[in-house]
Amino acid sequence: MLISSCDFIVDGIMMNHTIDSRQLKAFVCLAKHENFTLAAKELNLTQSAVSHSMKALEQDLGCKLIDRLGKKALLTQAGEQLYIYSQKILDQMAQARVSIENLNHWGQPRLRVVASSTICEYLLPSVLKSIKSDFPTSIINLHSRDSQDSINLLRSGKVDIAIAMKPKSETQLEFRPWFQDQLSFLVSKEHSWAQQGKVKRDEIPDQQYILYDRASFTFQMVAEYFKQQGFELDHVMELGSMVATKELVRLNLGIGIVAPWIARKEISSAEMTCLPIARKKLMRQWGFLTWNEKRLSLIEEKFIEACAAVNFLPNELMTDA
């Protein structure tokens, strides 16, 4: 016996797991008109076809759905219960069709991107403004996550482009470089290093540092970098917000290790100062991650092009990739 994917067997008896959508549509139409002739006319079917559909549906569900009282077709208690669900099911099916048609219709593109909170806040607003101007009816979904979480969202199919630091090994994902930035010490104007205009190497281990979350790629890079330099950063405060980090640095409660573009306003106003960590630069490579061999849509290509055209301040420690 050939069993469809919609069937299952209980105690040797084949049972249907789903309800035929055509029968469901006929049932809802009949419940609305309470008349077989009117229902058949709306559905562009014969009265006999509608009657046959109702009998088949009742047989499938194992209960009576319609009471036939002369020319009237009234719902039984079971029919009333099914009617509630039927309306929701058919509405969702209609919404699904509209959604798919919108995605396939020119002028209704979708852009799903994930990036770090700092990139979302400082670099992407002008890009998204440009995209919305070029694609006014586009559907844009922007998620804020750290690099590892961004990659996980991409792998799960919830986004199409992940803006993240270059992973060490990714065979299934393609990395398109965007820019490089250099991590530096960010200190308050009241800090002794800012007043002296230089970092005292022997004071590095004893300072209070404010770093981004320990699970982040940046934290791991910083820890590994200083270990190679022969330092252990013993006094570290972890924060999940760059805004909070800058505020604590401004109050001279610690030293941040950030890319200067994140604090460009504060640096320009002389509230804070960026100082090089050491002679050996600590660089990060940022870029766009997509699935290997995935053909980008027009809006995705335009998004990457718009990102590449972002103008950074010339005094920022950032270079084109």
Protein backbone atom coordinates (compact mmCIF):
# COMPACT_ATOMS: atom_id res chain seq x y z
CA MET A 1 0.00 0.00 0.00
CA LEU A 2 1.34 3.46 -0.93
CA ILE A 3 1.10 5.87 1.99
CA SER A 4 1.50 9.61 1.43
CA SER A 5 3.64 11.83 3.64
CA CYS A 6 0.42 13.15 5.17
CA ASP A 7 -0.72 9.71 6.40
CA PHE A 8 0.18 7.68 9.46
CA ILE A 9 -0.85 4.28 10.83
CA VAL A 10 -2.41 3.60 14.24
CA ASP A 11 -3.12 -0.01 15.24
CA GLY A 12 -2.89 -1.07 11.60
CA ILE A 13 -5.44 1.54 10.45
CA MET A 14 -4.33 4.24 8.05
CA MET A 15 -5.39 7.69 9.19
CA ASN A 16 -5.03 11.10 7.56
CA HIS A 17 -3.02 13.64 9.52
CA THR A 18 -4.16 16.75 7.64
CA ILE A 19 -7.43 18.19 6.37
CA ASP A 20 -7.88 18.73 2.64
CA SER A 21 -7.62 22.49 2.06
CA ARG A 22 -10.22 22.42 -0.74
CA GLN A 23 -12.72 20.70 1.52
CA LEU A 24 -11.93 23.23 4.26
CA LYS A 25 -12.54 26.13 1.89
CA ALA A 26 -15.86 24.64 0.79
CA PHE A 27 -16.86 24.10 4.43
CA VAL A 28 -16.15 27.74 5.36
CA CYS A 29 -18.04 29.00 2.34
CA LEU A 30 -21.03 26.80 3.17
CA ALA A 31 -20.97 27.91 6.81
CA LYS A 32 -21.03 31.53 5.64
CA HIS A 33 -23.99 31.14 3.24
CA GLU A 34 -25.83 28.33 5.06
CA ASN A 35 -26.90 27.19 1.61
CA PHE A 36 -25.37 24.65 -0.78
CA THR A 37 -26.50 26.49 -3.92
CA LEU A 38 -25.00 29.84 -2.87
CA ALA A 39 -21.80 28.19 -1.69
CA ALA A 40 -21.44 26.31 -4.97
CA LYS A 41 -22.00 29.54 -6.94
CA GLU A 42 -19.23 31.38 -5.03
CA LEU A 43 -16.83 28.46 -5.37
CA ASN A 44 -17.70 28.01 -9.06
CA LEU A 45 -18.58 24.38 -8.41
CA THR A 46 -21.69 22.27 -8.77
CA GLN A 47 -23.94 21.78 -5.78
CA SER A 48 -23.18 18.08 -6.01
CA ALA A 49 -19.43 18.74 -5.74
CA VAL A 50 -19.90 20.83 -2.58
CA SER A 51 -22.14 18.16 -1.06
CA HIS A 52 -19.58 15.47 -1.91
CA SER A 53 -16.79 17.55 -0.29
CA MET A 54 -18.80 17.91 2.93
CA LYS A 55 -19.53 14.18 3.09
CA ALA A 56 -15.85 13.40 2.52
CA LEU A 57 -14.82 15.90 5.22
CA GLU A 58 -17.30 14.48 7.72
CA GLN A 59 -16.10 10.96 6.96
CA ASP A 60 -12.48 12.04 7.37
CA LEU A 61 -13.13 13.69 10.76
CA GLY A 62 -15.55 11.01 11.91
CA CYS A 63 -18.33 13.40 12.95
CA LYS A 64 -21.29 15.32 11.56
CA LEU A 65 -20.50 18.94 10.70
CA ILE A 66 -23.63 20.09 8.88
CA ASP A 67 -27.32 19.70 9.71
CA ARG A 68 -29.38 19.83 6.51
CA LEU A 69 -32.73 21.43 7.35
CA GLY A 70 -34.60 21.93 4.09
CA LYS A 71 -32.58 24.44 2.06
CA LYS A 72 -30.66 25.46 5.16
CA ALA A 73 -27.22 24.06 6.02
CA LEU A 74 -26.51 24.75 9.70
CA LEU A 75 -23.38 23.95 11.67
CA THR A 76 -23.44 21.31 14.35
CA GLN A 77 -21.46 21.82 17.57
CA ALA A 78 -18.50 20.05 15.94
CA GLY A 79 -18.97 22.20 12.85
CA GLU A 80 -18.89 25.39 14.92
CA GLN A 81 -15.63 24.26 16.53
CA LEU A 82 -14.07 23.45 13.15
CA TYR A 83 -15.25 26.79 11.72
CA ILE A 84 -13.22 28.70 14.33
CA TYR A 85 -10.02 26.90 13.32
CA SER A 86 -10.85 26.92 9.61
CA GLN A 87 -10.98 30.71 9.40
CA LYS A 88 -7.56 31.00 11.07
CA ILE A 89 -6.04 28.34 8.83
CA LEU A 90 -7.34 29.87 5.59
CA ASP A 91 -6.31 33.37 6.71
CA GLN A 92 -2.78 32.15 7.39
CA MET A 93 -2.64 30.38 4.04
CA ALA A 94 -3.72 33.62 2.34
CA GLN A 95 -1.10 35.59 4.26
CA ALA A 96 1.56 33.06 3.30
CA ARG A 97 0.66 33.45 -0.37
CA VAL A 98 0.80 37.26 -0.16
CA SER A 99 4.14 37.11 1.66
CA ILE A 100 5.65 34.81 -0.97
CA GLU A 101 4.27 36.92 -3.81
CA ASN A 102 5.72 40.06 -2.22
CA LEU A 103 9.15 38.45 -1.97
CA ASN A 104 9.02 37.39 -5.60
CA HIS A 105 7.61 40.69 -6.81
CA TRP A 106 10.12 43.23 -8.09
CA GLY A 107 10.27 46.17 -5.72
CA GLN A 108 9.54 44.05 -2.63
CA PRO A 109 13.05 42.77 -1.81
CA ARG A 110 14.15 41.55 1.61
CA LEU A 111 17.40 42.40 3.39
CA ARG A 112 18.32 40.39 6.51
CA VAL A 113 21.57 41.49 8.17
CA VAL A 114 23.24 40.91 11.52
CA ALA A 115 26.12 42.98 12.90
CA SER A 116 27.68 44.06 16.18
CA SER A 117 25.86 46.73 18.18
CA THR A 118 28.64 49.25 17.52
CA ILE A 119 28.50 48.74 13.75
CA CYS A 120 24.69 48.96 13.87
CA GLU A 121 24.92 52.22 15.81
CA TYR A 122 27.85 54.00 14.17
CA LEU A 123 28.27 52.67 10.62
CA LEU A 124 24.98 51.32 9.29
CA PRO A 125 22.41 54.14 9.69
CA SER A 126 23.62 56.02 6.60
CA VAL A 127 23.85 52.75 4.67
CA LEU A 128 20.29 51.75 5.52
CA LYS A 129 19.08 55.24 4.60
CA SER A 130 20.65 54.79 1.18
CA ILE A 131 19.15 51.32 0.75
CA LYS A 132 15.69 52.52 1.77
CA SER A 133 15.99 55.33 -0.77
CA ASP A 134 16.90 52.90 -3.57
CA PHE A 135 14.40 50.23 -2.44
CA PRO A 136 11.53 52.16 -0.81
CA THR A 137 9.27 49.11 -0.44
CA SER A 138 12.01 46.80 0.83
CA ILE A 139 11.66 44.72 4.00
CA ILE A 140 14.75 45.26 6.18
CA ASN A 141 15.58 43.12 9.22
CA LEU A 142 18.65 44.19 11.21
CA HIS A 143 19.86 42.13 14.16
CA SER A 144 22.49 43.17 16.71
CA ARG A 145 24.81 40.36 17.84
CA ASP A 146 28.47 39.66 18.57
CA SER A 147 30.55 38.00 15.85
CA GLN A 148 30.05 34.40 17.00
CA ASP A 149 26.31 34.85 17.48
CA SER A 150 26.15 36.55 14.07
CA ILE A 151 27.73 33.51 12.45
CA ASN A 152 25.28 31.24 14.27
CA LEU A 153 22.32 33.30 12.98
CA LEU A 154 23.70 33.03 9.45
CA ARG A 155 24.12 29.27 9.77
CA SER A 156 20.56 28.88 11.06
CA GLY A 157 19.21 30.68 7.99
CA LYS A 158 17.73 33.59 9.96
CA VAL A 159 19.90 36.17 8.16
CA ASP A 160 21.54 36.33 4.73
CA ILE A 161 24.53 38.55 5.55
CA ALA A 162 26.57 38.61 8.75
CA ILE A 163 28.96 41.52 9.36
CA ALA A 164 31.62 40.10 11.64
CA MET A 165 35.31 39.76 12.27
CA LYS A 166 37.07 37.29 10.04
CA PRO A 167 36.74 33.82 11.59
CA LYS A 168 39.83 31.64 11.85
CA SER A 169 38.36 28.75 9.88
CA GLU A 170 35.07 28.64 8.01
CA THR A 171 34.86 26.29 5.05
CA GLN A 172 31.14 26.69 4.37
CA LEU A 173 31.02 30.47 4.55
CA GLU A 174 32.52 33.06 2.23
CA PHE A 175 34.22 36.12 3.75
CA ARG A 176 34.22 39.41 1.81
CA PRO A 177 36.60 41.94 3.44
CA TRP A 178 35.23 45.37 4.36
CA PHE A 179 37.75 47.25 6.53
CA GLN A 180 40.46 46.85 9.14
CA ASP A 181 40.62 48.75 12.39
CA GLN A 182 43.24 49.03 15.09
CA LEU A 183 42.49 48.62 18.79
CA SER A 184 43.93 51.30 21.06
CA PHE A 185 43.83 52.42 24.66
CA LEU A 186 40.96 54.83 25.29
CA VAL A 187 41.58 57.00 28.34
CA SER A 188 39.92 59.96 30.00
CA LYS A 189 41.51 63.39 29.58
CA GLU A 190 42.11 63.23 33.36
CA HIS A 191 44.17 60.02 33.15
CA SER A 192 47.91 60.41 33.64
CA TRP A 193 48.64 58.75 30.30
CA ALA A 194 46.50 61.35 28.51
CA GLN A 195 48.24 64.20 30.31
CA GLN A 196 51.67 62.77 29.54
CA GLY A 197 50.71 61.88 25.98
CA LYS A 198 52.12 58.36 26.21
CA VAL A 199 51.63 54.94 27.75
CA LYS A 200 53.97 53.85 30.51
CA ARG A 201 54.69 50.22 29.74
CA ASP A 202 55.45 49.23 33.32
CA GLU A 203 52.05 50.56 34.45
CA ILE A 204 50.02 48.46 31.98
CA PRO A 205 49.46 45.39 34.25
CA ASP A 206 48.21 47.48 37.20
CA GLN A 207 45.56 49.52 35.38
CA GLN A 208 41.80 49.00 35.59
CA TYR A 209 40.46 47.96 32.18
CA ILE A 210 36.96 48.01 30.75
CA LEU A 211 36.52 45.37 28.06
CA TYR A 212 33.64 44.03 26.03
CA ASP A 213 32.02 40.72 27.00
CA ARG A 214 34.44 37.84 27.69
CA ALA A 215 32.75 35.61 25.13
CA SER A 216 33.34 38.11 22.32
CA PHE A 217 36.02 37.75 19.64
CA THR A 218 37.50 41.12 20.67
CA PHE A 219 37.99 40.06 24.30
CA GLN A 220 39.74 36.88 23.19
CA MET A 221 41.97 38.84 20.79
CA VAL A 222 42.95 41.32 23.51
CA ALA A 223 43.69 38.61 26.08
CA GLU A 224 45.82 36.63 23.61
CA TYR A 225 47.63 39.75 22.43
CA PHE A 226 48.73 40.86 25.92
CA LYS A 227 49.69 37.32 26.84
CA GLN A 228 52.07 37.32 23.86
CA GLN A 229 53.40 40.68 25.06
CA GLY A 230 54.12 39.20 28.48
CA PHE A 231 51.28 40.95 30.34
CA GLU A 232 48.32 39.68 32.31
CA LEU A 233 45.39 42.08 32.63
CA ASP A 234 44.31 41.28 36.17
CA HIS A 235 41.89 44.16 36.73
CA VAL A 236 39.17 43.80 34.12
CA MET A 237 35.56 44.96 34.15
CA GLU A 238 33.33 43.34 31.50
CA LEU A 239 30.49 45.28 29.91
CA GLY A 240 28.08 44.42 27.12
CA SER A 241 27.60 48.03 26.07
CA MET A 242 30.07 50.29 24.31
CA VAL A 243 28.07 53.33 25.43
CA ALA A 244 28.54 52.31 29.07
CA THR A 245 32.22 51.60 28.43
CA LYS A 246 32.81 55.09 27.09
CA GLU A 247 30.94 56.67 29.99
CA LEU A 248 33.09 54.87 32.57
CA VAL A 249 36.22 55.84 30.64
CA ARG A 250 35.04 59.46 30.56
CA LEU A 251 34.67 59.37 34.35
CA ASN A 252 38.25 58.03 34.57
CA LEU A 253 37.08 54.76 36.13
CA GLY A 254 39.05 52.59 33.76
CA ILE A 255 40.79 52.23 30.41
CA GLY A 256 38.94 50.99 27.36
CA ILE A 257 40.53 48.96 24.57
CA VAL A 258 38.55 49.96 21.50
CA ALA A 259 38.79 51.08 17.88
CA PRO A 260 38.98 54.92 17.74
CA TRP A 261 36.01 55.21 15.35
CA ILE A 262 33.75 54.10 18.19
CA ALA A 263 34.70 57.20 20.22
CA ARG A 264 35.33 59.69 17.41
CA LYS A 265 33.07 62.38 18.91
CA GLU A 266 34.65 62.10 22.34
CA ILE A 267 38.14 62.15 20.86
CA SER A 268 37.33 65.19 18.68
CA SER A 269 36.01 67.07 21.73
CA ALA A 270 39.15 66.12 23.71
CA GLU A 271 37.09 64.40 26.42
CA MET A 272 39.08 61.25 25.74
CA THR A 273 42.35 60.29 24.14
CA CYS A 274 43.38 57.25 22.14
CA LEU A 275 46.91 55.95 22.65
CA PRO A 276 48.67 53.09 20.82
CA ILE A 277 48.83 49.85 22.77
CA ALA A 278 52.35 48.92 21.69
CA ARG A 279 54.63 48.97 18.66
CA LYS A 280 52.97 45.78 17.42
CA LYS A 281 49.52 46.79 16.19
CA LEU A 282 46.40 44.92 17.30
CA MET A 283 44.29 44.81 14.15
CA ARG A 284 40.81 43.45 13.45
CA GLN A 285 39.54 42.44 10.02
CA TRP A 286 35.84 43.10 9.44
CA GLY A 287 33.83 41.80 6.52
CA PHE A 288 30.65 40.25 5.15
CA LEU A 289 29.92 36.56 5.66
CA THR A 290 27.55 34.69 3.35
CA TRP A 291 27.06 31.06 2.41
CA ASN A 292 29.57 29.72 -0.11
CA GLU A 293 28.43 29.98 -3.73
CA LYS A 294 25.24 31.81 -2.70
CA ARG A 295 24.17 34.27 -5.37
CA LEU A 296 23.43 37.61 -3.76
CA SER A 297 20.18 39.37 -4.54
CA LEU A 298 20.25 42.88 -5.97
CA ILE A 299 19.48 44.52 -2.63
CA GLU A 300 22.21 42.48 -0.90
CA GLU A 301 24.77 43.54 -3.52
CA LYS A 302 23.71 47.18 -3.16
CA PHE A 303 23.96 46.92 0.62
CA ILE A 304 27.57 45.70 0.46
CA GLU A 305 28.41 48.40 -2.09
CA ALA A 306 26.87 51.06 0.15
CA CYS A 307 28.88 49.81 3.13
CA ALA A 308 32.09 50.02 1.10
CA ALA A 309 31.26 53.65 0.27
CA VAL A 310 30.97 54.72 3.93
CA ASN A 311 33.37 57.61 4.62
CA PHE A 312 35.33 57.44 7.85
CA LEU A 313 37.12 60.35 9.47
CA PRO A 314 40.68 60.60 8.11
CA ASN A 315 42.26 60.69 11.56
CA GLU A 316 40.71 57.40 12.59
CA LEU A 317 42.88 54.33 12.78
CA MET A 318 41.08 52.46 10.05
CA THR A 319 42.23 51.25 6.66
CA ASP A 320 40.49 49.78 3.65
CA ALA A 321 40.61 46.00 3.56
